[in-house]
N, C-alpha and C. Protein backbone atom coordinates (compact mmCIF):
# COMPACT_ATOMS: atom_id res chain seq x y z
N UNK A 1 -56.47 -118.31 59.60
CA UNK A 1 -55.67 -117.63 60.59
C UNK A 1 -55.84 -116.13 60.41
N UNK A 2 -56.18 -115.45 61.49
CA UNK A 2 -56.34 -114.00 61.42
C UNK A 2 -55.55 -113.36 62.55
N UNK A 3 -54.79 -112.35 62.19
CA UNK A 3 -54.05 -111.55 63.14
C UNK A 3 -54.68 -110.16 63.15
N UNK A 4 -54.95 -109.66 64.36
CA UNK A 4 -55.39 -108.28 64.46
C UNK A 4 -54.18 -107.43 64.82
N UNK A 5 -54.19 -106.22 64.30
CA UNK A 5 -53.09 -105.30 64.56
C UNK A 5 -53.69 -103.92 64.80
N UNK A 6 -53.09 -103.20 65.73
CA UNK A 6 -53.57 -101.84 65.98
C UNK A 6 -52.50 -101.02 66.68
N UNK A 7 -52.61 -99.73 66.48
CA UNK A 7 -51.79 -98.78 67.23
C UNK A 7 -52.54 -98.42 68.50
N UNK A 8 -51.84 -98.38 69.60
CA UNK A 8 -52.44 -98.00 70.88
C UNK A 8 -52.46 -96.47 70.96
N UNK A 9 -53.14 -95.89 69.98
CA UNK A 9 -53.21 -94.44 69.82
C UNK A 9 -54.50 -94.09 69.08
N UNK A 10 -55.00 -92.90 69.35
CA UNK A 10 -56.17 -92.42 68.62
C UNK A 10 -55.83 -91.26 67.70
N UNK A 11 -54.56 -90.96 67.57
CA UNK A 11 -54.11 -89.86 66.71
C UNK A 11 -54.40 -90.22 65.25
N UNK A 12 -54.99 -89.29 64.51
CA UNK A 12 -55.38 -89.56 63.13
C UNK A 12 -54.17 -89.79 62.21
N UNK A 13 -53.03 -89.28 62.57
CA UNK A 13 -51.81 -89.47 61.77
C UNK A 13 -50.77 -90.24 62.56
N UNK A 14 -51.21 -91.21 63.32
CA UNK A 14 -50.35 -91.96 64.22
C UNK A 14 -49.18 -92.64 63.51
N UNK A 15 -47.98 -92.35 63.98
CA UNK A 15 -46.81 -93.04 63.45
C UNK A 15 -46.82 -94.50 63.89
N UNK A 16 -47.44 -94.78 65.03
CA UNK A 16 -47.54 -96.17 65.48
C UNK A 16 -48.51 -96.96 64.61
N UNK A 17 -49.52 -96.30 64.07
CA UNK A 17 -50.41 -96.99 63.13
C UNK A 17 -49.66 -97.29 61.83
N UNK A 18 -48.82 -96.37 61.38
CA UNK A 18 -48.02 -96.63 60.20
C UNK A 18 -47.10 -97.84 60.44
N UNK A 19 -46.47 -97.86 61.61
CA UNK A 19 -45.55 -98.95 61.93
C UNK A 19 -46.28 -100.28 62.04
N UNK A 20 -47.41 -100.31 62.74
CA UNK A 20 -48.11 -101.58 62.94
C UNK A 20 -48.70 -102.09 61.62
N UNK A 21 -49.13 -101.20 60.76
CA UNK A 21 -49.64 -101.61 59.45
C UNK A 21 -48.52 -102.22 58.62
N UNK A 22 -47.37 -101.56 58.61
CA UNK A 22 -46.22 -102.10 57.88
C UNK A 22 -45.82 -103.47 58.45
N UNK A 23 -45.75 -103.57 59.77
CA UNK A 23 -45.35 -104.83 60.42
C UNK A 23 -46.32 -105.95 60.08
N UNK A 24 -47.60 -105.67 60.16
CA UNK A 24 -48.61 -106.70 59.89
C UNK A 24 -48.50 -107.21 58.46
N UNK A 25 -48.19 -106.32 57.54
CA UNK A 25 -48.09 -106.71 56.14
C UNK A 25 -46.82 -107.50 55.83
N UNK A 26 -45.94 -107.66 56.80
CA UNK A 26 -44.76 -108.52 56.63
C UNK A 26 -45.10 -110.00 56.84
N UNK A 27 -46.28 -110.26 57.37
CA UNK A 27 -46.70 -111.65 57.62
C UNK A 27 -47.05 -112.35 56.31
N UNK A 28 -46.81 -113.66 56.28
CA UNK A 28 -47.14 -114.50 55.12
C UNK A 28 -48.36 -115.34 55.42
N UNK A 29 -49.23 -115.48 54.44
CA UNK A 29 -50.36 -116.42 54.51
C UNK A 29 -51.21 -116.26 55.76
N UNK A 30 -51.38 -115.03 56.18
CA UNK A 30 -52.18 -114.73 57.37
C UNK A 30 -53.15 -113.63 57.00
N UNK A 31 -54.41 -113.80 57.37
CA UNK A 31 -55.38 -112.71 57.19
C UNK A 31 -55.09 -111.66 58.25
N UNK A 32 -55.07 -110.41 57.83
CA UNK A 32 -54.74 -109.31 58.73
C UNK A 32 -55.93 -108.36 58.81
N UNK A 33 -56.25 -107.94 60.02
CA UNK A 33 -57.25 -106.89 60.21
C UNK A 33 -56.61 -105.78 61.04
N UNK A 34 -56.52 -104.60 60.45
CA UNK A 34 -55.99 -103.44 61.15
C UNK A 34 -57.16 -102.73 61.83
N UNK A 35 -57.09 -102.63 63.13
CA UNK A 35 -58.14 -101.96 63.90
C UNK A 35 -57.75 -100.51 64.16
N UNK A 36 -58.75 -99.66 64.31
CA UNK A 36 -58.54 -98.26 64.65
C UNK A 36 -59.23 -98.02 65.99
N UNK A 37 -58.45 -97.62 66.99
CA UNK A 37 -59.04 -97.41 68.32
C UNK A 37 -60.13 -96.36 68.32
N UNK A 38 -60.14 -95.47 67.34
CA UNK A 38 -61.21 -94.47 67.26
C UNK A 38 -62.58 -95.11 67.05
N UNK A 39 -62.60 -96.32 66.52
CA UNK A 39 -63.86 -97.04 66.34
C UNK A 39 -64.39 -97.61 67.65
N UNK A 40 -63.59 -97.52 68.71
CA UNK A 40 -63.95 -98.10 70.01
C UNK A 40 -63.90 -97.06 71.13
N UNK A 41 -64.17 -95.81 70.79
CA UNK A 41 -64.13 -94.74 71.78
C UNK A 41 -65.25 -94.94 72.80
N UNK A 42 -64.88 -94.81 74.06
CA UNK A 42 -65.80 -95.06 75.16
C UNK A 42 -65.74 -93.94 76.18
N UNK A 43 -66.77 -93.83 77.03
CA UNK A 43 -66.69 -92.86 78.12
C UNK A 43 -65.52 -93.23 79.04
N UNK A 44 -64.99 -92.26 79.72
CA UNK A 44 -63.88 -92.49 80.64
C UNK A 44 -64.31 -93.50 81.70
N UNK A 45 -63.52 -94.57 81.84
CA UNK A 45 -63.90 -95.63 82.77
C UNK A 45 -63.87 -95.15 84.22
N UNK A 46 -64.88 -95.55 84.96
CA UNK A 46 -64.91 -95.45 86.42
C UNK A 46 -65.92 -96.48 86.89
N UNK A 47 -65.82 -96.85 88.14
CA UNK A 47 -66.80 -97.80 88.68
C UNK A 47 -68.21 -97.22 88.62
N UNK A 48 -68.33 -95.92 88.83
CA UNK A 48 -69.64 -95.28 88.73
C UNK A 48 -70.21 -95.40 87.33
N UNK A 49 -69.35 -95.15 86.31
CA UNK A 49 -69.79 -95.28 84.91
C UNK A 49 -70.17 -96.72 84.60
N UNK A 50 -69.39 -97.66 85.12
CA UNK A 50 -69.71 -99.06 84.88
C UNK A 50 -71.05 -99.43 85.52
N UNK A 51 -71.30 -98.93 86.69
CA UNK A 51 -72.57 -99.20 87.37
C UNK A 51 -73.73 -98.57 86.58
N UNK A 52 -73.49 -97.38 86.06
CA UNK A 52 -74.52 -96.66 85.30
C UNK A 52 -74.77 -97.29 83.93
N UNK A 53 -73.69 -97.64 83.21
CA UNK A 53 -73.80 -98.07 81.82
C UNK A 53 -73.74 -99.58 81.60
N UNK A 54 -73.23 -100.29 82.59
CA UNK A 54 -72.94 -101.70 82.34
C UNK A 54 -71.69 -101.80 81.49
N UNK A 55 -71.60 -102.83 80.68
CA UNK A 55 -70.44 -103.02 79.81
C UNK A 55 -70.80 -102.55 78.40
N UNK A 56 -70.16 -101.49 77.94
CA UNK A 56 -70.48 -100.93 76.63
C UNK A 56 -70.25 -101.91 75.48
N UNK A 57 -71.10 -101.81 74.48
CA UNK A 57 -71.01 -102.69 73.32
C UNK A 57 -69.67 -102.57 72.60
N UNK A 58 -69.12 -101.37 72.53
CA UNK A 58 -67.84 -101.20 71.83
C UNK A 58 -66.71 -101.96 72.52
N UNK A 59 -66.74 -102.04 73.83
CA UNK A 59 -65.74 -102.84 74.55
C UNK A 59 -65.95 -104.32 74.25
N UNK A 60 -67.20 -104.75 74.22
CA UNK A 60 -67.50 -106.14 73.87
C UNK A 60 -67.06 -106.44 72.43
N UNK A 61 -67.28 -105.50 71.53
CA UNK A 61 -66.88 -105.68 70.13
C UNK A 61 -65.36 -105.81 70.01
N UNK A 62 -64.63 -104.99 70.76
CA UNK A 62 -63.17 -105.06 70.72
C UNK A 62 -62.69 -106.41 71.25
N UNK A 63 -63.26 -106.85 72.35
CA UNK A 63 -62.90 -108.17 72.89
C UNK A 63 -63.23 -109.28 71.91
N UNK A 64 -64.31 -109.15 71.17
CA UNK A 64 -64.67 -110.16 70.17
C UNK A 64 -63.61 -110.23 69.07
N UNK A 65 -63.01 -109.09 68.72
CA UNK A 65 -61.92 -109.08 67.74
C UNK A 65 -60.74 -109.89 68.25
N UNK A 66 -60.43 -109.73 69.54
CA UNK A 66 -59.34 -110.51 70.13
C UNK A 66 -59.71 -111.99 70.14
N UNK A 67 -60.92 -112.31 70.56
CA UNK A 67 -61.37 -113.70 70.61
C UNK A 67 -61.29 -114.37 69.25
N UNK A 68 -61.66 -113.66 68.21
CA UNK A 68 -61.71 -114.22 66.86
C UNK A 68 -60.35 -114.25 66.16
N UNK A 69 -59.32 -113.75 66.82
CA UNK A 69 -57.99 -113.72 66.20
C UNK A 69 -57.14 -114.89 66.71
N UNK A 70 -56.06 -115.13 65.99
CA UNK A 70 -55.10 -116.13 66.45
C UNK A 70 -53.80 -115.47 66.89
N UNK A 71 -53.70 -114.15 66.75
CA UNK A 71 -52.52 -113.41 67.18
C UNK A 71 -52.78 -111.92 67.15
N UNK A 72 -51.90 -111.17 67.82
CA UNK A 72 -52.09 -109.74 67.99
C UNK A 72 -50.76 -109.02 67.79
N UNK A 73 -50.81 -107.91 67.06
CA UNK A 73 -49.66 -107.00 66.97
C UNK A 73 -50.16 -105.64 67.46
N UNK A 74 -49.45 -105.07 68.41
CA UNK A 74 -49.78 -103.74 68.93
C UNK A 74 -48.54 -102.87 68.85
N UNK A 75 -48.70 -101.65 68.39
CA UNK A 75 -47.63 -100.66 68.44
C UNK A 75 -48.07 -99.54 69.38
N UNK A 76 -47.31 -99.35 70.44
CA UNK A 76 -47.68 -98.43 71.51
C UNK A 76 -47.10 -97.03 71.31
N UNK A 77 -47.98 -96.06 71.31
CA UNK A 77 -47.55 -94.67 71.41
C UNK A 77 -47.28 -94.39 72.88
N UNK A 78 -46.37 -93.48 73.13
CA UNK A 78 -46.00 -93.16 74.50
C UNK A 78 -46.39 -91.74 74.83
N UNK A 79 -47.19 -91.58 75.88
CA UNK A 79 -47.55 -90.25 76.39
C UNK A 79 -46.98 -90.14 77.80
N UNK A 80 -46.05 -89.24 77.98
CA UNK A 80 -45.43 -89.02 79.29
C UNK A 80 -44.92 -90.32 79.91
N UNK A 81 -44.33 -91.18 79.09
CA UNK A 81 -43.71 -92.41 79.57
C UNK A 81 -44.68 -93.55 79.78
N UNK A 82 -45.95 -93.38 79.39
CA UNK A 82 -46.94 -94.42 79.65
C UNK A 82 -47.89 -94.57 78.46
N UNK A 83 -48.95 -95.35 78.68
CA UNK A 83 -49.96 -95.59 77.65
C UNK A 83 -50.72 -94.32 77.31
N UNK A 84 -51.26 -94.27 76.09
CA UNK A 84 -52.16 -93.18 75.74
C UNK A 84 -53.47 -93.40 76.49
N UNK A 85 -54.18 -92.33 76.74
CA UNK A 85 -55.44 -92.43 77.47
C UNK A 85 -56.48 -93.23 76.67
N UNK A 86 -56.49 -93.09 75.35
CA UNK A 86 -57.44 -93.83 74.53
C UNK A 86 -57.27 -95.33 74.67
N UNK A 87 -56.02 -95.80 74.61
CA UNK A 87 -55.75 -97.23 74.77
C UNK A 87 -56.07 -97.68 76.20
N UNK A 88 -55.57 -96.95 77.18
CA UNK A 88 -55.74 -97.38 78.57
C UNK A 88 -57.21 -97.43 78.94
N UNK A 89 -58.00 -96.48 78.46
CA UNK A 89 -59.42 -96.47 78.76
C UNK A 89 -60.12 -97.70 78.16
N UNK A 90 -59.85 -97.98 76.89
CA UNK A 90 -60.44 -99.15 76.25
C UNK A 90 -60.00 -100.43 76.96
N UNK A 91 -58.72 -100.51 77.29
CA UNK A 91 -58.21 -101.68 78.00
C UNK A 91 -58.92 -101.84 79.35
N UNK A 92 -59.09 -100.75 80.09
CA UNK A 92 -59.75 -100.83 81.39
C UNK A 92 -61.18 -101.34 81.27
N UNK A 93 -61.92 -100.83 80.29
CA UNK A 93 -63.29 -101.32 80.08
C UNK A 93 -63.26 -102.82 79.74
N UNK A 94 -62.37 -103.20 78.85
CA UNK A 94 -62.30 -104.61 78.43
C UNK A 94 -61.94 -105.52 79.61
N UNK A 95 -61.03 -105.05 80.45
CA UNK A 95 -60.60 -105.89 81.58
C UNK A 95 -61.70 -106.10 82.60
N UNK A 96 -62.70 -105.24 82.60
CA UNK A 96 -63.84 -105.43 83.50
C UNK A 96 -64.79 -106.50 82.97
N UNK A 97 -64.76 -106.72 81.67
CA UNK A 97 -65.58 -107.76 81.04
C UNK A 97 -64.85 -109.09 81.08
N UNK A 98 -63.59 -109.06 80.69
CA UNK A 98 -62.75 -110.26 80.63
C UNK A 98 -61.38 -109.91 81.21
N UNK A 99 -61.12 -110.28 82.47
CA UNK A 99 -59.84 -109.92 83.10
C UNK A 99 -58.61 -110.42 82.32
N UNK A 100 -58.74 -111.51 81.63
CA UNK A 100 -57.63 -112.04 80.82
C UNK A 100 -57.80 -111.52 79.39
N UNK A 101 -57.71 -110.22 79.24
CA UNK A 101 -58.04 -109.50 78.01
C UNK A 101 -57.44 -110.17 76.77
N UNK A 102 -56.17 -110.57 76.84
CA UNK A 102 -55.48 -111.06 75.64
C UNK A 102 -55.72 -112.54 75.37
N UNK A 103 -56.43 -113.23 76.25
CA UNK A 103 -56.98 -114.57 76.00
C UNK A 103 -55.96 -115.58 75.49
N UNK A 104 -54.76 -115.52 76.04
CA UNK A 104 -53.70 -116.47 75.71
C UNK A 104 -53.26 -116.40 74.25
N UNK A 105 -53.39 -115.23 73.65
CA UNK A 105 -53.02 -115.04 72.24
C UNK A 105 -51.53 -114.68 72.16
N UNK A 106 -50.83 -115.22 71.17
CA UNK A 106 -49.46 -114.78 70.93
C UNK A 106 -49.46 -113.34 70.43
N UNK A 107 -48.47 -112.58 70.91
CA UNK A 107 -48.44 -111.15 70.63
C UNK A 107 -47.04 -110.71 70.21
N UNK A 108 -47.01 -109.73 69.33
CA UNK A 108 -45.79 -108.99 69.03
C UNK A 108 -46.08 -107.55 69.43
N UNK A 109 -45.25 -107.02 70.31
CA UNK A 109 -45.45 -105.67 70.83
C UNK A 109 -44.36 -104.75 70.30
N UNK A 110 -44.78 -103.61 69.79
CA UNK A 110 -43.89 -102.64 69.17
C UNK A 110 -44.12 -101.27 69.78
N UNK A 111 -43.19 -100.38 69.52
CA UNK A 111 -43.39 -98.97 69.85
C UNK A 111 -42.48 -98.15 68.95
N UNK A 112 -42.87 -96.91 68.77
CA UNK A 112 -42.01 -95.96 68.07
C UNK A 112 -42.35 -94.56 68.55
N UNK A 113 -41.42 -93.66 68.32
CA UNK A 113 -41.62 -92.25 68.62
C UNK A 113 -40.64 -91.45 67.78
N UNK A 114 -40.82 -90.14 67.72
CA UNK A 114 -39.85 -89.33 66.98
C UNK A 114 -38.48 -89.29 67.67
N UNK A 115 -38.44 -89.59 68.96
CA UNK A 115 -37.20 -89.49 69.72
C UNK A 115 -36.33 -90.74 69.69
N UNK A 116 -35.16 -90.61 70.28
CA UNK A 116 -34.16 -91.67 70.23
C UNK A 116 -34.50 -92.88 71.09
N UNK A 117 -35.47 -92.76 71.99
CA UNK A 117 -35.85 -93.91 72.83
C UNK A 117 -36.96 -94.75 72.19
N UNK A 118 -37.65 -94.21 71.21
CA UNK A 118 -38.63 -94.99 70.46
C UNK A 118 -39.80 -95.52 71.27
N UNK A 119 -40.17 -94.83 72.34
CA UNK A 119 -41.28 -95.32 73.16
C UNK A 119 -40.91 -96.49 74.04
N UNK A 120 -39.63 -96.62 74.37
CA UNK A 120 -39.15 -97.78 75.12
C UNK A 120 -39.81 -97.92 76.49
N UNK A 121 -40.15 -96.82 77.14
CA UNK A 121 -40.77 -96.91 78.47
C UNK A 121 -42.13 -97.58 78.42
N UNK A 122 -42.98 -97.15 77.50
CA UNK A 122 -44.31 -97.75 77.40
C UNK A 122 -44.21 -99.19 76.90
N UNK A 123 -43.27 -99.46 76.02
CA UNK A 123 -43.10 -100.84 75.54
C UNK A 123 -42.69 -101.76 76.68
N UNK A 124 -41.79 -101.31 77.53
CA UNK A 124 -41.38 -102.12 78.68
C UNK A 124 -42.57 -102.40 79.60
N UNK A 125 -43.39 -101.39 79.82
CA UNK A 125 -44.58 -101.58 80.66
C UNK A 125 -45.53 -102.60 80.03
N UNK A 126 -45.72 -102.49 78.72
CA UNK A 126 -46.63 -103.41 78.02
C UNK A 126 -46.11 -104.85 78.05
N UNK A 127 -44.82 -105.01 77.79
CA UNK A 127 -44.22 -106.36 77.81
C UNK A 127 -44.33 -106.98 79.19
N UNK A 128 -44.08 -106.17 80.22
CA UNK A 128 -44.13 -106.70 81.59
C UNK A 128 -45.54 -107.00 82.07
N UNK A 129 -46.53 -106.24 81.60
CA UNK A 129 -47.89 -106.45 82.10
C UNK A 129 -48.70 -107.45 81.28
N UNK A 130 -48.37 -107.65 80.02
CA UNK A 130 -49.17 -108.53 79.16
C UNK A 130 -49.42 -109.92 79.75
N UNK A 131 -48.43 -110.58 80.33
CA UNK A 131 -48.70 -111.92 80.88
C UNK A 131 -49.77 -111.94 81.97
N UNK A 132 -49.92 -110.85 82.71
CA UNK A 132 -50.96 -110.78 83.75
C UNK A 132 -52.37 -110.77 83.15
N UNK A 133 -52.44 -110.44 81.88
CA UNK A 133 -53.72 -110.38 81.18
C UNK A 133 -53.79 -111.44 80.09
N UNK A 134 -53.03 -112.53 80.29
CA UNK A 134 -52.96 -113.69 79.39
C UNK A 134 -52.45 -113.35 77.99
N UNK A 135 -51.54 -112.41 77.91
CA UNK A 135 -50.85 -112.14 76.65
C UNK A 135 -49.57 -112.96 76.60
N UNK A 136 -49.32 -113.60 75.49
CA UNK A 136 -48.11 -114.39 75.31
C UNK A 136 -47.19 -113.60 74.37
N UNK A 137 -46.27 -112.86 74.96
CA UNK A 137 -45.39 -111.98 74.18
C UNK A 137 -44.31 -112.83 73.51
N UNK A 138 -44.37 -112.89 72.19
CA UNK A 138 -43.41 -113.65 71.40
C UNK A 138 -42.20 -112.81 71.03
N UNK A 139 -42.39 -111.51 70.87
CA UNK A 139 -41.30 -110.62 70.52
C UNK A 139 -41.73 -109.19 70.79
N UNK A 140 -40.74 -108.32 70.98
CA UNK A 140 -41.01 -106.89 71.13
C UNK A 140 -39.86 -106.12 70.50
N UNK A 141 -40.18 -104.93 70.03
CA UNK A 141 -39.18 -104.11 69.37
C UNK A 141 -39.58 -102.65 69.42
N UNK A 142 -38.63 -101.81 69.80
CA UNK A 142 -38.81 -100.37 69.78
C UNK A 142 -38.06 -99.80 68.57
N UNK A 143 -38.73 -98.95 67.82
CA UNK A 143 -38.12 -98.29 66.66
C UNK A 143 -37.87 -96.83 67.03
N UNK A 144 -36.61 -96.46 67.23
CA UNK A 144 -36.30 -95.07 67.60
C UNK A 144 -36.37 -94.14 66.40
N UNK A 145 -36.44 -92.86 66.67
CA UNK A 145 -36.32 -91.82 65.64
C UNK A 145 -37.13 -92.16 64.39
N UNK A 146 -38.42 -92.30 64.57
CA UNK A 146 -39.30 -92.76 63.50
C UNK A 146 -39.06 -92.04 62.18
N UNK A 147 -39.01 -90.74 62.20
CA UNK A 147 -38.92 -89.98 60.95
C UNK A 147 -37.57 -90.15 60.24
N UNK A 148 -36.55 -90.61 60.97
CA UNK A 148 -35.26 -90.91 60.35
C UNK A 148 -35.20 -92.34 59.81
N UNK A 149 -36.09 -93.20 60.28
CA UNK A 149 -36.02 -94.63 59.95
C UNK A 149 -37.21 -95.17 59.16
N UNK A 150 -38.21 -94.35 58.92
CA UNK A 150 -39.41 -94.80 58.22
C UNK A 150 -39.78 -93.79 57.15
N UNK A 151 -40.02 -94.27 55.94
CA UNK A 151 -40.44 -93.41 54.84
C UNK A 151 -41.97 -93.41 54.81
N UNK A 152 -42.55 -92.32 55.29
CA UNK A 152 -44.01 -92.24 55.39
C UNK A 152 -44.69 -92.18 54.03
N UNK A 153 -44.00 -91.69 53.01
CA UNK A 153 -44.58 -91.67 51.66
C UNK A 153 -44.67 -93.07 51.09
N UNK A 154 -43.63 -93.86 51.26
CA UNK A 154 -43.60 -95.23 50.73
C UNK A 154 -44.12 -96.25 51.73
N UNK A 155 -44.31 -95.82 52.98
CA UNK A 155 -44.79 -96.69 54.06
C UNK A 155 -43.86 -97.90 54.24
N UNK A 156 -42.56 -97.62 54.38
CA UNK A 156 -41.56 -98.68 54.61
C UNK A 156 -40.55 -98.25 55.65
N UNK A 157 -40.07 -99.22 56.39
CA UNK A 157 -38.99 -99.01 57.33
C UNK A 157 -37.70 -99.03 56.53
N UNK A 158 -36.96 -97.94 56.57
CA UNK A 158 -35.79 -97.79 55.69
C UNK A 158 -34.48 -98.22 56.32
N UNK A 159 -34.42 -98.34 57.62
CA UNK A 159 -33.20 -98.75 58.31
C UNK A 159 -33.04 -100.26 58.17
N UNK A 160 -32.03 -100.74 57.44
CA UNK A 160 -31.92 -102.18 57.14
C UNK A 160 -31.88 -103.08 58.38
N UNK A 161 -31.11 -102.71 59.38
CA UNK A 161 -31.00 -103.56 60.57
C UNK A 161 -32.31 -103.61 61.35
N UNK A 162 -32.94 -102.46 61.53
CA UNK A 162 -34.24 -102.42 62.21
C UNK A 162 -35.29 -103.19 61.42
N UNK A 163 -35.23 -103.09 60.10
CA UNK A 163 -36.18 -103.81 59.26
C UNK A 163 -36.02 -105.33 59.45
N UNK A 164 -34.80 -105.80 59.51
CA UNK A 164 -34.56 -107.24 59.74
C UNK A 164 -35.05 -107.65 61.13
N UNK A 165 -34.83 -106.80 62.12
CA UNK A 165 -35.31 -107.10 63.47
C UNK A 165 -36.83 -107.16 63.50
N UNK A 166 -37.48 -106.26 62.76
CA UNK A 166 -38.94 -106.25 62.70
C UNK A 166 -39.45 -107.50 61.99
N UNK A 167 -38.83 -107.86 60.88
CA UNK A 167 -39.23 -109.09 60.18
C UNK A 167 -39.11 -110.30 61.08
N UNK A 168 -38.01 -110.36 61.84
CA UNK A 168 -37.81 -111.47 62.77
C UNK A 168 -38.89 -111.48 63.85
N UNK A 169 -39.21 -110.30 64.38
CA UNK A 169 -40.23 -110.20 65.44
C UNK A 169 -41.58 -110.71 64.95
N UNK A 170 -42.04 -110.21 63.80
CA UNK A 170 -43.37 -110.62 63.33
C UNK A 170 -43.40 -112.05 62.82
N UNK A 171 -42.25 -112.58 62.46
CA UNK A 171 -42.20 -113.97 61.96
C UNK A 171 -42.71 -114.96 63.02
N UNK A 172 -42.71 -114.57 64.27
CA UNK A 172 -43.23 -115.44 65.33
C UNK A 172 -44.73 -115.70 65.18
N UNK A 173 -45.40 -114.90 64.36
CA UNK A 173 -46.83 -115.08 64.14
C UNK A 173 -47.15 -115.75 62.82
N UNK A 174 -46.15 -116.11 62.06
CA UNK A 174 -46.38 -116.72 60.74
C UNK A 174 -46.90 -118.15 60.81
N UNK A 175 -46.73 -118.82 61.92
CA UNK A 175 -47.07 -120.24 61.99
C UNK A 175 -48.19 -120.51 63.00
N UNK A 176 -49.11 -119.59 63.08
CA UNK A 176 -50.22 -119.74 64.02
C UNK A 176 -51.26 -120.69 63.48
N UNK A 177 -51.98 -121.29 64.38
CA UNK A 177 -53.07 -122.20 63.99
C UNK A 177 -54.38 -121.67 64.51
């Protein structure tokens, strides 16, 4: 059993990458692979680019990671209330290759931000759209005020109630086949 996890961000010090790494490591008896979207950087999607380039290998490689997994954890960074351009661009390329990007995989969707809303807007968009792309959302959770609730030195969620909610959310992926 392998679960892939990634932050929907290309920021080198992404708080969402810290959160998704911590969340993935809460799983029991599951192989975990943490992906970095920077490894899948692609030209800005357009139909003209697709006609010119075809389907880029990096998009195919990312889809292969999804295909080879039994579950997915994503933590979404929020830019102006929506997805980051790095994630959206990769997703757009992938959806041109395989419209059902998430391939009926169980998913746990997360978000965090420094603010009190914790990326709730982008998380709501992701939860609502995932089923259209064959994502099976098992749980979702927004972590508000990241720097007040997460110890970046120890890489742990310090807020006891949020930590229990996160454990409960990821536990939906503990029994995958």
